[in-house]
């Protein structure tokens, strides 16, 4: 079981793993060993998620989910397949945790009257200063 939150965990059988060769430097290891791990999680068909959770995940992670409702996460950071597998699972858990986290509702507030008056007074001072700069000052020579 993969724990996402205290109240939600996903069974390993819901995840599908695929391996492939990593890109980038690494010598012979890169050319012959499949260390990149791609994890697929069918959000739309998951029995672990409620309908509300599925909607929220599909909405918030829509750029990472394909048309069939499958979320794909891949990892090729590490040199071993097992480490990349753990990294992909950790990344999936983090993505789901962030997607399911409820955002706080913003309370509408008004700026205090004193702050508004200070702002207007500062604008007047700035305007006077500019006006003084533009006026032609006659000198008595």
N, C-alpha and C. Protein backbone atom coordinates (compact mmCIF):
# COMPACT_ATOMS: atom_id res chain seq x y z
N UNK A 1 0.84 -1.20 0.00
CA UNK A 1 0.00 0.00 0.00
C UNK A 1 0.88 1.26 0.00
N UNK A 2 0.48 2.21 -0.81
CA UNK A 2 1.19 3.49 -0.88
C UNK A 2 0.32 4.53 -0.19
N UNK A 3 0.85 5.12 0.87
CA UNK A 3 0.07 6.09 1.64
C UNK A 3 0.18 7.46 0.99
N UNK A 4 -0.98 8.00 0.63
CA UNK A 4 -1.04 9.34 0.03
C UNK A 4 -1.31 10.35 1.14
N UNK A 5 -2.41 10.15 1.85
CA UNK A 5 -2.73 10.95 3.03
C UNK A 5 -3.08 9.97 4.15
N UNK A 6 -3.41 10.48 5.32
CA UNK A 6 -3.76 9.60 6.44
C UNK A 6 -4.99 8.76 6.13
N UNK A 7 -5.89 9.32 5.36
CA UNK A 7 -7.15 8.62 5.06
C UNK A 7 -7.17 7.94 3.69
N UNK A 8 -6.12 8.11 2.89
CA UNK A 8 -6.11 7.55 1.54
C UNK A 8 -4.81 6.80 1.26
N UNK A 9 -4.94 5.56 0.82
CA UNK A 9 -3.79 4.81 0.34
C UNK A 9 -4.19 4.04 -0.90
N UNK A 10 -3.21 3.83 -1.77
CA UNK A 10 -3.44 3.17 -3.04
C UNK A 10 -2.70 1.84 -3.03
N UNK A 11 -3.35 0.81 -3.52
CA UNK A 11 -2.74 -0.51 -3.56
C UNK A 11 -1.75 -0.58 -4.72
N UNK A 12 -0.66 -1.34 -4.50
CA UNK A 12 0.39 -1.47 -5.54
C UNK A 12 -0.17 -2.03 -6.85
N UNK A 13 -1.21 -2.85 -6.76
CA UNK A 13 -1.75 -3.48 -7.98
C UNK A 13 -2.40 -2.46 -8.91
N UNK A 14 -2.71 -1.27 -8.42
CA UNK A 14 -3.30 -0.24 -9.26
C UNK A 14 -2.26 0.48 -10.12
N UNK A 15 -0.99 0.26 -9.82
CA UNK A 15 0.09 0.92 -10.55
C UNK A 15 0.66 -0.02 -11.60
N UNK A 16 1.02 0.56 -12.74
CA UNK A 16 1.62 -0.21 -13.82
C UNK A 16 2.99 0.40 -14.09
N UNK A 17 4.02 -0.45 -14.07
CA UNK A 17 5.38 0.03 -14.28
C UNK A 17 5.90 -0.46 -15.62
N UNK A 18 6.66 0.40 -16.29
CA UNK A 18 7.34 0.03 -17.53
C UNK A 18 8.77 0.56 -17.43
N UNK A 19 9.71 -0.18 -17.97
CA UNK A 19 11.11 0.25 -17.93
C UNK A 19 11.60 0.49 -19.34
N UNK A 20 12.58 1.38 -19.43
CA UNK A 20 13.21 1.67 -20.72
C UNK A 20 14.62 2.18 -20.45
N UNK A 21 15.37 2.33 -21.51
CA UNK A 21 16.74 2.83 -21.34
C UNK A 21 16.73 4.32 -21.07
N UNK A 22 17.55 4.72 -20.12
CA UNK A 22 17.67 6.13 -19.77
C UNK A 22 18.46 6.87 -20.83
N UNK A 23 18.25 8.18 -20.89
CA UNK A 23 19.04 9.00 -21.81
C UNK A 23 20.15 9.68 -21.02
N UNK A 24 21.04 10.31 -21.71
CA UNK A 24 22.09 11.07 -21.05
C UNK A 24 23.35 10.26 -20.81
N UNK A 25 24.32 10.86 -20.11
CA UNK A 25 25.60 10.20 -19.89
C UNK A 25 25.48 9.00 -18.95
N UNK A 26 26.44 8.09 -19.00
CA UNK A 26 26.42 6.94 -18.12
C UNK A 26 27.20 5.78 -18.69
N UNK A 27 27.80 5.96 -19.84
CA UNK A 27 28.66 4.92 -20.42
C UNK A 27 27.89 3.69 -20.83
N UNK A 28 28.49 2.52 -20.63
CA UNK A 28 27.89 1.27 -21.07
C UNK A 28 26.60 0.97 -20.33
N UNK A 29 26.51 1.44 -19.09
CA UNK A 29 25.31 1.19 -18.27
C UNK A 29 24.06 1.71 -18.98
N UNK A 30 24.15 2.91 -19.57
CA UNK A 30 23.01 3.52 -20.26
C UNK A 30 22.64 2.70 -21.50
N UNK A 31 23.63 2.16 -22.19
CA UNK A 31 23.39 1.46 -23.44
C UNK A 31 22.78 0.07 -23.29
N UNK A 32 22.91 -0.55 -22.11
CA UNK A 32 22.44 -1.93 -22.01
C UNK A 32 21.47 -2.20 -20.87
N UNK A 33 21.28 -1.27 -19.95
CA UNK A 33 20.41 -1.51 -18.79
C UNK A 33 19.21 -0.57 -18.83
N UNK A 34 18.03 -1.12 -18.61
CA UNK A 34 16.81 -0.32 -18.60
C UNK A 34 16.57 0.22 -17.19
N UNK A 35 17.03 1.44 -16.95
CA UNK A 35 16.92 2.01 -15.61
C UNK A 35 15.79 3.03 -15.48
N UNK A 36 15.33 3.61 -16.59
CA UNK A 36 14.22 4.56 -16.51
C UNK A 36 12.94 3.79 -16.20
N UNK A 37 12.17 4.34 -15.25
CA UNK A 37 10.91 3.71 -14.86
C UNK A 37 9.77 4.68 -15.16
N UNK A 38 8.76 4.18 -15.87
CA UNK A 38 7.56 4.96 -16.15
C UNK A 38 6.41 4.30 -15.41
N UNK A 39 5.75 5.09 -14.58
CA UNK A 39 4.64 4.59 -13.77
C UNK A 39 3.34 5.12 -14.35
N UNK A 40 2.36 4.26 -14.46
CA UNK A 40 1.04 4.68 -14.95
C UNK A 40 0.01 4.36 -13.87
N UNK A 41 -0.85 5.33 -13.60
CA UNK A 41 -1.91 5.17 -12.60
C UNK A 41 -3.22 5.61 -13.23
N UNK A 42 -4.16 4.67 -13.35
CA UNK A 42 -5.46 4.97 -13.96
C UNK A 42 -6.35 5.65 -12.93
N UNK A 43 -6.35 6.97 -12.94
CA UNK A 43 -7.13 7.75 -11.97
C UNK A 43 -8.61 7.48 -12.16
N UNK A 44 -9.06 7.47 -13.41
CA UNK A 44 -10.49 7.33 -13.71
C UNK A 44 -11.05 5.97 -13.27
N UNK A 45 -10.21 4.93 -13.25
CA UNK A 45 -10.69 3.58 -12.91
C UNK A 45 -10.26 3.12 -11.52
N UNK A 46 -9.70 3.98 -10.72
CA UNK A 46 -9.17 3.58 -9.42
C UNK A 46 -10.28 3.32 -8.40
N UNK A 47 -10.30 2.14 -7.79
CA UNK A 47 -11.30 1.86 -6.76
C UNK A 47 -10.95 2.52 -5.41
N UNK A 48 -9.72 2.96 -5.25
CA UNK A 48 -9.29 3.58 -3.99
C UNK A 48 -9.80 5.01 -3.84
N UNK A 49 -10.10 5.67 -4.97
CA UNK A 49 -10.50 7.07 -4.94
C UNK A 49 -12.01 7.22 -5.01
N UNK A 50 -12.52 8.20 -4.29
CA UNK A 50 -13.95 8.52 -4.38
C UNK A 50 -14.18 9.33 -5.65
N UNK A 51 -15.44 9.48 -6.03
CA UNK A 51 -15.76 10.25 -7.25
C UNK A 51 -15.29 11.69 -7.11
N UNK A 52 -15.43 12.25 -5.92
CA UNK A 52 -15.01 13.63 -5.67
C UNK A 52 -13.49 13.77 -5.81
N UNK A 53 -12.75 12.80 -5.26
CA UNK A 53 -11.29 12.83 -5.35
C UNK A 53 -10.84 12.68 -6.81
N UNK A 54 -11.51 11.80 -7.55
CA UNK A 54 -11.17 11.62 -8.96
C UNK A 54 -11.36 12.91 -9.74
N UNK A 55 -12.51 13.58 -9.50
CA UNK A 55 -12.78 14.85 -10.20
C UNK A 55 -11.69 15.87 -9.89
N UNK A 56 -11.34 15.99 -8.62
CA UNK A 56 -10.34 16.98 -8.21
C UNK A 56 -8.99 16.68 -8.85
N UNK A 57 -8.58 15.41 -8.84
CA UNK A 57 -7.29 15.04 -9.44
C UNK A 57 -7.31 15.27 -10.95
N UNK A 58 -8.39 14.85 -11.61
CA UNK A 58 -8.48 15.03 -13.06
C UNK A 58 -8.45 16.51 -13.44
N UNK A 59 -9.04 17.35 -12.61
CA UNK A 59 -9.06 18.78 -12.88
C UNK A 59 -7.70 19.42 -12.64
N UNK A 60 -7.08 19.12 -11.50
CA UNK A 60 -5.83 19.79 -11.14
C UNK A 60 -4.61 19.24 -11.86
N UNK A 61 -4.66 17.99 -12.30
CA UNK A 61 -3.51 17.41 -12.99
C UNK A 61 -3.82 17.12 -14.46
N UNK A 62 -4.72 17.91 -15.05
CA UNK A 62 -5.17 17.62 -16.42
C UNK A 62 -4.04 17.68 -17.46
N UNK A 63 -2.99 18.43 -17.19
CA UNK A 63 -1.89 18.49 -18.16
C UNK A 63 -1.03 17.23 -18.12
N UNK A 64 -1.12 16.44 -17.05
CA UNK A 64 -0.33 15.23 -16.92
C UNK A 64 -1.14 13.96 -17.17
N UNK A 65 -2.44 14.12 -17.36
CA UNK A 65 -3.32 12.96 -17.52
C UNK A 65 -3.80 12.89 -18.97
N UNK A 66 -3.78 11.67 -19.54
CA UNK A 66 -4.21 11.52 -20.94
C UNK A 66 -5.74 11.40 -21.03
N UNK A 67 -6.25 11.21 -22.23
CA UNK A 67 -7.70 11.19 -22.45
C UNK A 67 -8.40 10.01 -21.78
N UNK A 68 -7.65 8.94 -21.52
CA UNK A 68 -8.24 7.76 -20.87
C UNK A 68 -8.22 7.87 -19.35
N UNK A 69 -7.70 8.98 -18.84
CA UNK A 69 -7.66 9.19 -17.39
C UNK A 69 -6.48 8.51 -16.71
N UNK A 70 -5.37 8.36 -17.44
CA UNK A 70 -4.18 7.71 -16.89
C UNK A 70 -3.11 8.77 -16.62
N UNK A 71 -2.65 8.79 -15.37
CA UNK A 71 -1.59 9.71 -14.94
C UNK A 71 -0.25 9.00 -15.14
N UNK A 72 0.70 9.66 -15.80
CA UNK A 72 2.01 9.07 -16.08
C UNK A 72 3.10 9.85 -15.37
N UNK A 73 3.96 9.12 -14.66
CA UNK A 73 5.11 9.71 -13.97
C UNK A 73 6.32 8.86 -14.32
N UNK A 74 7.43 9.52 -14.70
CA UNK A 74 8.64 8.74 -15.00
C UNK A 74 9.82 9.28 -14.22
N UNK A 75 10.79 8.40 -13.99
CA UNK A 75 11.98 8.79 -13.26
C UNK A 75 13.20 8.13 -13.90
N UNK A 76 14.23 8.92 -14.12
CA UNK A 76 15.50 8.40 -14.65
C UNK A 76 16.68 9.07 -13.93
N UNK A 77 16.41 9.60 -12.76
CA UNK A 77 17.41 10.35 -12.01
C UNK A 77 18.51 9.44 -11.47
N UNK A 78 18.13 8.25 -11.04
CA UNK A 78 19.09 7.35 -10.39
C UNK A 78 19.65 6.33 -11.37
N UNK A 79 20.74 5.68 -10.96
CA UNK A 79 21.40 4.71 -11.84
C UNK A 79 20.80 3.32 -11.75
N UNK A 80 19.97 3.10 -10.71
CA UNK A 80 19.37 1.77 -10.57
C UNK A 80 17.87 1.83 -10.81
N UNK A 81 17.34 0.74 -11.33
CA UNK A 81 15.92 0.66 -11.64
C UNK A 81 15.08 0.74 -10.36
N UNK A 82 15.54 0.08 -9.30
CA UNK A 82 14.76 0.07 -8.04
C UNK A 82 14.68 1.47 -7.43
N UNK A 83 15.76 2.23 -7.50
CA UNK A 83 15.75 3.60 -6.97
C UNK A 83 14.83 4.49 -7.79
N UNK A 84 14.83 4.30 -9.11
CA UNK A 84 13.94 5.08 -9.97
C UNK A 84 12.48 4.69 -9.74
N UNK A 85 12.24 3.44 -9.44
CA UNK A 85 10.89 2.97 -9.15
C UNK A 85 10.36 3.65 -7.89
N UNK A 86 11.19 3.67 -6.86
CA UNK A 86 10.81 4.34 -5.60
C UNK A 86 10.61 5.84 -5.81
N UNK A 87 11.47 6.45 -6.63
CA UNK A 87 11.36 7.88 -6.90
C UNK A 87 10.06 8.19 -7.64
N UNK A 88 9.67 7.32 -8.59
CA UNK A 88 8.44 7.54 -9.35
C UNK A 88 7.22 7.40 -8.44
N UNK A 89 7.25 6.41 -7.54
CA UNK A 89 6.14 6.22 -6.60
C UNK A 89 6.04 7.42 -5.66
N UNK A 90 7.18 7.90 -5.19
CA UNK A 90 7.20 9.08 -4.31
C UNK A 90 6.67 10.31 -5.01
N UNK A 91 7.03 10.47 -6.28
CA UNK A 91 6.56 11.61 -7.07
C UNK A 91 5.04 11.53 -7.30
N UNK A 92 4.55 10.33 -7.57
CA UNK A 92 3.11 10.14 -7.73
C UNK A 92 2.37 10.51 -6.45
N UNK A 93 2.87 10.02 -5.32
CA UNK A 93 2.23 10.32 -4.03
C UNK A 93 2.21 11.82 -3.78
N UNK A 94 3.31 12.50 -4.09
CA UNK A 94 3.39 13.95 -3.87
C UNK A 94 2.42 14.70 -4.78
N UNK A 95 2.34 14.28 -6.04
CA UNK A 95 1.40 14.92 -6.98
C UNK A 95 -0.04 14.76 -6.51
N UNK A 96 -0.40 13.55 -6.10
CA UNK A 96 -1.76 13.30 -5.63
C UNK A 96 -2.06 14.07 -4.35
N UNK A 97 -1.06 14.13 -3.46
CA UNK A 97 -1.23 14.87 -2.20
C UNK A 97 -1.52 16.34 -2.48
N UNK A 98 -0.75 16.93 -3.39
CA UNK A 98 -0.94 18.35 -3.73
C UNK A 98 -2.29 18.58 -4.42
N UNK A 99 -2.67 17.65 -5.28
CA UNK A 99 -3.93 17.81 -6.02
C UNK A 99 -5.13 17.69 -5.09
N UNK A 100 -5.02 16.85 -4.07
CA UNK A 100 -6.15 16.62 -3.17
C UNK A 100 -6.22 17.63 -2.03
N UNK A 101 -5.14 18.37 -1.82
CA UNK A 101 -5.12 19.35 -0.73
C UNK A 101 -6.12 20.47 -1.02
N UNK A 102 -6.95 20.75 -0.04
CA UNK A 102 -7.96 21.79 -0.24
C UNK A 102 -7.33 23.17 -0.02
N UNK A 103 -7.57 24.04 -0.94
CA UNK A 103 -7.02 25.39 -0.83
C UNK A 103 -7.90 26.23 0.08
N UNK A 104 -7.25 27.10 0.84
CA UNK A 104 -8.00 27.98 1.74
C UNK A 104 -8.74 29.03 0.93
N UNK A 105 -9.94 29.33 1.37
CA UNK A 105 -10.75 30.33 0.69
C UNK A 105 -10.28 31.71 1.12
N UNK A 106 -10.06 32.59 0.15
CA UNK A 106 -9.58 33.94 0.46
C UNK A 106 -10.73 34.77 0.98
N UNK A 107 -10.48 35.44 2.12
CA UNK A 107 -11.48 36.35 2.66
C UNK A 107 -11.26 37.72 2.01
N UNK A 108 -12.33 38.29 1.53
CA UNK A 108 -12.23 39.61 0.92
C UNK A 108 -12.04 40.63 2.04
N UNK A 109 -11.07 41.52 1.86
CA UNK A 109 -10.81 42.56 2.85
C UNK A 109 -10.69 43.90 2.14
N UNK A 110 -10.91 44.96 2.91
CA UNK A 110 -10.73 46.31 2.37
C UNK A 110 -9.51 46.92 3.02
N UNK A 111 -8.79 47.78 2.28
CA UNK A 111 -7.66 48.44 2.91
C UNK A 111 -8.17 49.44 3.95
N UNK A 112 -7.43 49.62 5.05
CA UNK A 112 -7.86 50.58 6.08
C UNK A 112 -7.92 52.00 5.51
N UNK A 113 -8.79 52.82 6.07
CA UNK A 113 -8.97 54.19 5.61
C UNK A 113 -7.65 54.96 5.69
N UNK A 114 -6.89 54.77 6.78
CA UNK A 114 -5.62 55.49 6.96
C UNK A 114 -4.65 55.16 5.83
N UNK A 115 -4.60 53.88 5.41
CA UNK A 115 -3.70 53.49 4.34
C UNK A 115 -4.10 54.15 3.03
N UNK A 116 -5.39 54.23 2.78
CA UNK A 116 -5.90 54.87 1.57
C UNK A 116 -5.53 56.35 1.56
N UNK A 117 -5.71 57.01 2.72
CA UNK A 117 -5.38 58.44 2.82
C UNK A 117 -3.88 58.67 2.63
N UNK A 118 -3.05 57.78 3.19
CA UNK A 118 -1.60 57.91 3.02
C UNK A 118 -1.23 57.78 1.54
N UNK A 119 -1.84 56.83 0.86
CA UNK A 119 -1.57 56.63 -0.57
C UNK A 119 -1.93 57.87 -1.36
N UNK A 120 -3.12 58.45 -1.09
CA UNK A 120 -3.55 59.64 -1.83
C UNK A 120 -2.66 60.84 -1.52
N UNK A 121 -2.25 60.97 -0.26
CA UNK A 121 -1.35 62.08 0.13
C UNK A 121 0.00 61.94 -0.57
N UNK A 122 0.51 60.74 -0.67
CA UNK A 122 1.79 60.50 -1.35
C UNK A 122 1.67 60.86 -2.83
N UNK A 123 0.52 60.53 -3.44
CA UNK A 123 0.30 60.88 -4.85
C UNK A 123 0.29 62.39 -5.03
N UNK A 124 -0.34 63.11 -4.09
CA UNK A 124 -0.39 64.58 -4.19
C UNK A 124 1.01 65.18 -4.07
N UNK A 125 1.80 64.64 -3.11
CA UNK A 125 3.17 65.14 -2.93
C UNK A 125 4.00 64.92 -4.19
N UNK A 126 3.86 63.72 -4.77
CA UNK A 126 4.60 63.41 -5.99
C UNK A 126 4.19 64.34 -7.13
N UNK A 127 2.89 64.63 -7.23
CA UNK A 127 2.39 65.53 -8.27
C UNK A 127 2.92 66.94 -8.11
N UNK A 128 2.93 67.43 -6.83
CA UNK A 128 3.46 68.78 -6.56
C UNK A 128 4.93 68.86 -6.93
N UNK A 129 5.69 67.82 -6.58
CA UNK A 129 7.12 67.81 -6.87
C UNK A 129 7.35 67.88 -8.38
N UNK A 130 6.59 67.14 -9.14
CA UNK A 130 6.74 67.15 -10.60
C UNK A 130 6.33 68.50 -11.18
N UNK A 131 5.29 69.09 -10.60
CA UNK A 131 4.83 70.37 -11.09
C UNK A 131 5.89 71.45 -10.85
N UNK A 132 6.53 71.38 -9.68
CA UNK A 132 7.60 72.34 -9.37
C UNK A 132 8.76 72.19 -10.34
N UNK A 133 9.07 71.00 -10.73
CA UNK A 133 10.16 70.76 -11.68
C UNK A 133 9.85 71.36 -13.04
N UNK A 134 8.60 71.30 -13.45
CA UNK A 134 8.26 71.75 -14.80
C UNK A 134 8.06 73.25 -14.90
N UNK A 135 7.80 73.92 -13.77
CA UNK A 135 7.58 75.37 -13.82
C UNK A 135 8.88 76.08 -14.14
N UNK A 136 8.77 77.15 -14.94
CA UNK A 136 9.93 77.93 -15.31
C UNK A 136 10.25 78.89 -14.16
N UNK A 137 11.43 78.73 -13.62
CA UNK A 137 11.80 79.59 -12.48
C UNK A 137 12.61 80.78 -13.03
N UNK A 138 12.09 81.99 -12.80
CA UNK A 138 12.81 83.18 -13.30
C UNK A 138 13.82 83.60 -12.24
N UNK A 139 15.01 83.88 -12.67
CA UNK A 139 16.06 84.27 -11.73
C UNK A 139 16.29 85.78 -11.83
N UNK A 140 16.56 86.36 -10.70
CA UNK A 140 16.90 87.78 -10.67
C UNK A 140 18.41 87.90 -10.70
N UNK A 141 18.95 88.20 -11.85
CA UNK A 141 20.41 88.32 -11.97
C UNK A 141 20.84 89.74 -11.96
